[in-house]
Amino acid sequence: MLQGYAGSYDSGFPDGYDFEDWLYRLELLADDTQALEDEEHVGGPAADA
């Protein structure tokens, strides 16, 4: 869907979008790491994993 709005891959925009998505994922991982360091706990059925 994004391809129609972003133009072709030759425009370079899709690469920029992928980079921003990667930065966002890194930020989420950093937030999760900080929460665990602050002694938050993981709960629910996936907690043992």
PDB file of N, CA and C in Angstrom:
ATOM      1  N   MET A   1       0.822  -1.192   0.000  1.00  0.00           N
ATOM      2  CA  MET A   1       0.000   0.000   0.000  1.00  0.00           C
ATOM      3  C   MET A   1       0.864   1.252   0.000  1.00  0.00           C
ATOM      4  N   LEU A   2       1.949   1.246   0.755  1.00  0.00           N
ATOM      5  CA  LEU A   2       2.803   2.421   0.833  1.00  0.00           C
ATOM      6  C   LEU A   2       3.441   2.740  -0.512  1.00  0.00           C
ATOM      7  N   GLN A   3       3.712   1.715  -1.293  1.00  0.00           N
ATOM      8  CA  GLN A   3       4.390   1.922  -2.564  1.00  0.00           C
ATOM      9  C   GLN A   3       3.647   2.921  -3.449  1.00  0.00           C
ATOM     10  N   GLY A   4       2.326   2.873  -3.447  1.00  0.00           N
ATOM     11  CA  GLY A   4       1.558   3.800  -4.268  1.00  0.00           C
ATOM     12  C   GLY A   4       1.714   5.244  -3.835  1.00  0.00           C
ATOM     13  N   TYR A   5       1.872   5.496  -2.557  1.00  0.00           N
ATOM     14  CA  TYR A   5       2.021   6.856  -2.038  1.00  0.00           C
ATOM     15  C   TYR A   5       3.457   7.325  -2.083  1.00  0.00           C
ATOM     16  N   ALA A   6       4.394   6.401  -1.967  1.00  0.00           N
ATOM     17  CA  ALA A   6       5.797   6.769  -1.852  1.00  0.00           C
ATOM     18  C   ALA A   6       6.485   6.884  -3.196  1.00  0.00           C
ATOM     19  N   GLY A   7       5.877   6.408  -4.252  1.00  0.00           N
ATOM     20  CA  GLY A   7       6.533   6.420  -5.544  1.00  0.00           C
ATOM     21  C   GLY A   7       7.353   5.157  -5.725  1.00  0.00           C
ATOM     22  N   SER A   8       8.213   5.193  -6.680  1.00  0.00           N
ATOM     23  CA  SER A   8       9.023   4.004  -6.980  1.00  0.00           C
ATOM     24  C   SER A   8      10.201   3.915  -6.012  1.00  0.00           C
ATOM     25  N   TYR A   9      10.847   2.769  -6.036  1.00  0.00           N
ATOM     26  CA  TYR A   9      12.035   2.613  -5.204  1.00  0.00           C
ATOM     27  C   TYR A   9      13.158   3.535  -5.668  1.00  0.00           C
ATOM     28  N   ASP A  10      13.127   3.937  -6.916  1.00  0.00           N
ATOM     29  CA  ASP A  10      14.139   4.862  -7.421  1.00  0.00           C
ATOM     30  C   ASP A  10      14.053   6.225  -6.733  1.00  0.00           C
ATOM     31  N   SER A  11      12.875   6.563  -6.188  1.00  0.00           N
ATOM     32  CA  SER A  11      12.728   7.863  -5.527  1.00  0.00           C
ATOM     33  C   SER A  11      13.492   7.929  -4.214  1.00  0.00           C
ATOM     34  N   GLY A  12      13.777   6.767  -3.617  1.00  0.00           N
ATOM     35  CA  GLY A  12      14.493   6.749  -2.343  1.00  0.00           C
ATOM     36  C   GLY A  12      13.595   6.845  -1.135  1.00  0.00           C
ATOM     37  N   PHE A  13      12.334   7.214  -1.322  1.00  0.00           N
ATOM     38  CA  PHE A  13      11.434   7.370  -0.184  1.00  0.00           C
ATOM     39  C   PHE A  13      11.202   6.071   0.574  1.00  0.00           C
ATOM     40  N   PRO A  14      10.975   4.932  -0.112  1.00  0.00           N
ATOM     41  CA  PRO A  14      10.775   3.688   0.643  1.00  0.00           C
ATOM     42  C   PRO A  14      11.959   3.344   1.552  1.00  0.00           C
ATOM     43  N   ASP A  15      13.177   3.657   1.117  1.00  0.00           N
ATOM     44  CA  ASP A  15      14.343   3.416   1.964  1.00  0.00           C
ATOM     45  C   ASP A  15      14.289   4.279   3.224  1.00  0.00           C
ATOM     46  N   GLY A  16      13.850   5.521   3.060  1.00  0.00           N
ATOM     47  CA  GLY A  16      13.720   6.413   4.209  1.00  0.00           C
ATOM     48  C   GLY A  16      12.654   5.924   5.172  1.00  0.00           C
ATOM     49  N   TYR A  17      11.568   5.403   4.631  1.00  0.00           N
ATOM     50  CA  TYR A  17      10.505   4.862   5.469  1.00  0.00           C
ATOM     51  C   TYR A  17      10.997   3.648   6.246  1.00  0.00           C
ATOM     52  N   ASP A  18      11.728   2.765   5.577  1.00  0.00           N
ATOM     53  CA  ASP A  18      12.278   1.588   6.256  1.00  0.00           C
ATOM     54  C   ASP A  18      13.236   1.994   7.370  1.00  0.00           C
ATOM     55  N   PHE A  19      14.034   3.024   7.131  1.00  0.00           N
ATOM     56  CA  PHE A  19      14.965   3.499   8.156  1.00  0.00           C
ATOM     57  C   PHE A  19      14.215   4.049   9.360  1.00  0.00           C
ATOM     58  N   GLU A  20      13.172   4.835   9.119  1.00  0.00           N
ATOM     59  CA  GLU A  20      12.372   5.375  10.219  1.00  0.00           C
ATOM     60  C   GLU A  20      11.695   4.256  11.005  1.00  0.00           C
ATOM     61  N   ASP A  21      11.220   3.237  10.300  1.00  0.00           N
ATOM     62  CA  ASP A  21      10.610   2.087  10.967  1.00  0.00           C
ATOM     63  C   ASP A  21      11.636   1.369  11.832  1.00  0.00           C
ATOM     64  N   TRP A  22      12.853   1.222  11.340  1.00  0.00           N
ATOM     65  CA  TRP A  22      13.933   0.585  12.100  1.00  0.00           C
ATOM     66  C   TRP A  22      14.251   1.394  13.359  1.00  0.00           C
ATOM     67  N   LEU A  23      14.327   2.726  13.222  1.00  0.00           N
ATOM     68  CA  LEU A  23      14.588   3.575  14.390  1.00  0.00           C
ATOM     69  C   LEU A  23      13.484   3.437  15.435  1.00  0.00           C
ATOM     70  N   TYR A  24      12.228   3.361  14.975  1.00  0.00           N
ATOM     71  CA  TYR A  24      11.101   3.209  15.890  1.00  0.00           C
ATOM     72  C   TYR A  24      11.195   1.886  16.647  1.00  0.00           C
ATOM     73  N   ARG A  25      11.547   0.824  15.945  1.00  0.00           N
ATOM     74  CA  ARG A  25      11.689  -0.482  16.595  1.00  0.00           C
ATOM     75  C   ARG A  25      12.825  -0.469  17.622  1.00  0.00           C
ATOM     76  N   LEU A  26      13.919   0.205  17.310  1.00  0.00           N
ATOM     77  CA  LEU A  26      15.012   0.338  18.277  1.00  0.00           C
ATOM     78  C   LEU A  26      14.552   1.092  19.521  1.00  0.00           C
ATOM     79  N   GLU A  27      13.751   2.120  19.317  1.00  0.00           N
ATOM     80  CA  GLU A  27      13.227   2.890  20.445  1.00  0.00           C
ATOM     81  C   GLU A  27      12.336   2.023  21.330  1.00  0.00           C
ATOM     82  N   LEU A  28      11.493   1.198  20.710  1.00  0.00           N
ATOM     83  CA  LEU A  28      10.633   0.299  21.485  1.00  0.00           C
ATOM     84  C   LEU A  28      11.459  -0.699  22.286  1.00  0.00           C
ATOM     85  N   LEU A  29      12.503  -1.242  21.671  1.00  0.00           N
ATOM     86  CA  LEU A  29      13.371  -2.176  22.387  1.00  0.00           C
ATOM     87  C   LEU A  29      14.074  -1.497  23.559  1.00  0.00           C
ATOM     88  N   ALA A  30      14.519  -0.267  23.354  1.00  0.00           N
ATOM     89  CA  ALA A  30      15.167   0.477  24.435  1.00  0.00           C
ATOM     90  C   ALA A  30      14.180   0.736  25.572  1.00  0.00           C
ATOM     91  N   ASP A  31      12.935   1.080  25.231  1.00  0.00           N
ATOM     92  CA  ASP A  31      11.916   1.301  26.257  1.00  0.00           C
ATOM     93  C   ASP A  31      11.638   0.019  27.041  1.00  0.00           C
ATOM     94  N   ASP A  32      11.554  -1.101  26.333  1.00  0.00           N
ATOM     95  CA  ASP A  32      11.317  -2.387  27.008  1.00  0.00           C
ATOM     96  C   ASP A  32      12.482  -2.757  27.910  1.00  0.00           C
ATOM     97  N   THR A  33      13.692  -2.532  27.440  1.00  0.00           N
ATOM     98  CA  THR A  33      14.877  -2.834  28.242  1.00  0.00           C
ATOM     99  C   THR A  33      14.887  -1.984  29.506  1.00  0.00           C
ATOM    100  N   GLN A  34      14.568  -0.703  29.352  1.00  0.00           N
ATOM    101  CA  GLN A  34      14.539   0.184  30.524  1.00  0.00           C
ATOM    102  C   GLN A  34      13.471  -0.251  31.517  1.00  0.00           C
ATOM    103  N   ALA A  35      12.314  -0.653  31.017  1.00  0.00           N
ATOM    104  CA  ALA A  35      11.236  -1.103  31.907  1.00  0.00           C
ATOM    105  C   ALA A  35      11.670  -2.334  32.697  1.00  0.00           C
ATOM    106  N   LEU A  36      12.350  -3.267  32.050  1.00  0.00           N
ATOM    107  CA  LEU A  36      12.823  -4.460  32.765  1.00  0.00           C
ATOM    108  C   LEU A  36      13.900  -4.096  33.782  1.00  0.00           C
ATOM    109  N   GLU A  37      14.759  -3.153  33.435  1.00  0.00           N
ATOM    110  CA  GLU A  37      15.784  -2.709  34.385  1.00  0.00           C
ATOM    111  C   GLU A  37      15.157  -1.989  35.578  1.00  0.00           C
ATOM    112  N   ASP A  38      13.997  -1.361  35.369  1.00  0.00           N
ATOM    113  CA  ASP A  38      13.278  -0.688  36.450  1.00  0.00           C
ATOM    114  C   ASP A  38      12.398  -1.657  37.227  1.00  0.00           C
ATOM    115  N   GLU A  39      12.640  -2.938  37.030  1.00  0.00           N
ATOM    116  CA  GLU A  39      12.000  -4.031  37.753  1.00  0.00           C
ATOM    117  C   GLU A  39      10.531  -4.234  37.411  1.00  0.00           C
ATOM    118  N   GLU A  40      10.131  -3.841  36.206  1.00  0.00           N
ATOM    119  CA  GLU A  40       8.809  -4.236  35.740  1.00  0.00           C
ATOM    120  C   GLU A  40       8.884  -5.713  35.383  1.00  0.00           C
ATOM    121  N   HIS A  41       7.758  -6.395  35.386  1.00  0.00           N
ATOM    122  CA  HIS A  41       7.735  -7.823  35.140  1.00  0.00           C
ATOM    123  C   HIS A  41       6.891  -8.141  33.917  1.00  0.00           C
ATOM    124  N   VAL A  42       7.264  -9.208  33.251  1.00  0.00           N
ATOM    125  CA  VAL A  42       6.490  -9.709  32.128  1.00  0.00           C
ATOM    126  C   VAL A  42       5.476 -10.700  32.675  1.00  0.00           C
ATOM    127  N   GLY A  43       4.224 -10.596  32.284  1.00  0.00           N
ATOM    128  CA  GLY A  43       3.186 -11.486  32.777  1.00  0.00           C
ATOM    129  C   GLY A  43       2.432 -12.139  31.644  1.00  0.00           C
ATOM    130  N   GLY A  44       1.528 -12.993  31.986  1.00  0.00           N
ATOM    131  CA  GLY A  44       0.695 -13.652  30.999  1.00  0.00           C
ATOM    132  C   GLY A  44       1.277 -14.968  30.531  1.00  0.00           C
ATOM    133  N   PRO A  45       0.627 -15.577  29.542  1.00  0.00           N
ATOM    134  CA  PRO A  45       1.033 -16.895  29.087  1.00  0.00           C
ATOM    135  C   PRO A  45       2.433 -16.934  28.472  1.00  0.00           C
ATOM    136  N   ALA A  46       2.917 -15.815  27.956  1.00  0.00           N
ATOM    137  CA  ALA A  46       4.223 -15.810  27.315  1.00  0.00           C
ATOM    138  C   ALA A  46       5.352 -15.461  28.283  1.00  0.00           C
ATOM    139  N   ALA A  47       5.055 -15.267  29.548  1.00  0.00           N
ATOM    140  CA  ALA A  47       6.060 -14.817  30.511  1.00  0.00           C
ATOM    141  C   ALA A  47       7.228 -15.791  30.650  1.00  0.00           C
ATOM    142  N   ASP A  48       6.946 -17.094  30.561  1.00  0.00           N
ATOM    143  CA  ASP A  48       8.037 -18.048  30.701  1.00  0.00           C
ATOM    144  C   ASP A  48       8.963 -18.070  29.488  1.00  0.00           C
ATOM    145  N   ALA A  49       8.453 -17.651  28.354  1.00  0.00           N
ATOM    146  CA  ALA A  49       9.281 -17.621  27.140  1.00  0.00           C
ATOM    147  C   ALA A  49      10.230 -16.447  27.211  1.00  0.00           C
TER     148      ALA A  49
END
